[in-house]
Amino acid sequence: MSAQTLRVPWKQSSGREARRALVASLRDLDVDAIVVGEAEIVISELVGNAVRHARPLPDGTIRVNWTVRAGVVEVEVT
């Protein structure tokens, strides 16, 4: 199992930063390319929705977590 947490500023361009970090991490873990592509879409949508529809954390950021277990990727955005 592998888990990572990233904090990004509460702004639209943060989706790009989160996406790049996730993809690099998943490639380092040799996650299947199809799963990487799907996770990339999911994280983009979740970060975008957090910026459009939610408030930032008290420090002005969004927290992005991902966990990889047996080739399955779980993404959380707070």
Protein backbone atom coordinates (compact mmCIF):
# COMPACT_ATOMS: atom_id res chain seq x y z
CA MET A 1 0.00 0.00 0.00
CA SER A 2 1.15 3.51 -0.76
CA ALA A 3 -0.44 6.77 0.40
CA GLN A 4 0.32 10.39 -0.45
CA THR A 5 -1.06 13.73 0.65
CA LEU A 6 -0.68 17.01 -1.17
CA ARG A 7 -1.92 20.49 -0.26
CA VAL A 8 -2.58 22.92 -3.07
CA PRO A 9 -3.88 26.49 -3.09
CA TRP A 10 -7.64 26.93 -3.44
CA LYS A 11 -7.59 28.08 -7.08
CA GLN A 12 -8.42 26.61 -10.48
CA SER A 13 -4.83 26.10 -11.56
CA SER A 14 -4.29 23.76 -8.60
CA GLY A 15 -6.02 20.98 -10.52
CA ARG A 16 -3.04 20.89 -12.86
CA GLU A 17 -0.58 20.68 -9.95
CA ALA A 18 -2.53 17.89 -8.25
CA ARG A 19 -2.89 15.99 -11.52
CA ARG A 20 0.84 16.14 -12.25
CA ALA A 21 1.76 14.95 -8.76
CA LEU A 22 -0.74 12.08 -8.87
CA VAL A 23 0.34 10.89 -12.32
CA ALA A 24 4.04 10.98 -11.38
CA SER A 25 3.36 9.07 -8.18
CA LEU A 26 1.26 6.40 -9.91
CA ARG A 27 3.81 5.93 -12.68
CA ASP A 28 6.56 5.51 -10.07
CA LEU A 29 4.43 2.75 -8.53
CA ASP A 30 3.95 1.05 -11.94
CA VAL A 31 0.17 1.42 -11.80
CA ASP A 32 -1.54 0.32 -15.02
CA ALA A 33 -1.70 3.15 -17.58
CA ILE A 34 -5.49 2.88 -17.94
CA VAL A 35 -5.91 3.32 -14.17
CA VAL A 36 -3.51 6.28 -14.22
CA GLY A 37 -5.57 7.94 -16.94
CA GLU A 38 -8.82 7.38 -15.06
CA ALA A 39 -7.34 8.67 -11.80
CA GLU A 40 -6.08 11.75 -13.65
CA ILE A 41 -9.62 12.57 -14.80
CA VAL A 42 -11.07 11.94 -11.34
CA ILE A 43 -8.59 14.18 -9.53
CA SER A 44 -9.14 16.97 -12.05
CA GLU A 45 -12.89 16.83 -11.51
CA LEU A 46 -12.65 16.64 -7.72
CA VAL A 47 -10.23 19.56 -7.38
CA GLY A 48 -12.24 21.61 -9.86
CA ASN A 49 -15.46 20.92 -7.95
CA ALA A 50 -13.79 21.81 -4.65
CA VAL A 51 -12.76 25.19 -6.05
CA ARG A 52 -16.17 25.90 -7.62
CA HIS A 53 -18.49 24.58 -4.94
CA ALA A 54 -16.69 24.50 -1.58
CA ARG A 55 -14.69 26.69 0.73
CA PRO A 56 -10.96 26.21 1.29
CA LEU A 57 -9.52 24.74 4.46
CA PRO A 58 -8.66 27.37 7.11
CA ASP A 59 -5.17 27.79 5.65
CA GLY A 60 -6.57 28.57 2.18
CA THR A 61 -5.73 25.19 0.66
CA ILE A 62 -7.31 22.02 -0.64
CA ARG A 63 -5.98 18.70 0.68
CA VAL A 64 -5.65 15.89 -1.85
CA ASN A 65 -4.98 12.33 -0.70
CA TRP A 66 -4.49 9.22 -2.75
CA THR A 67 -3.91 5.63 -1.76
CA VAL A 68 -2.86 2.74 -3.96
CA ARG A 69 -3.64 -0.84 -2.94
CA ALA A 70 -3.16 -3.75 -5.30
CA GLY A 71 -3.43 -1.49 -8.35
CA VAL A 72 -6.59 0.23 -7.10
CA VAL A 73 -6.36 4.01 -6.64
CA GLU A 74 -8.53 5.84 -4.11
CA VAL A 75 -8.60 9.65 -4.33
CA GLU A 76 -9.96 12.03 -1.65
CA VAL A 77 -10.22 15.80 -1.80
CA THR A 78 -10.94 17.93 1.26
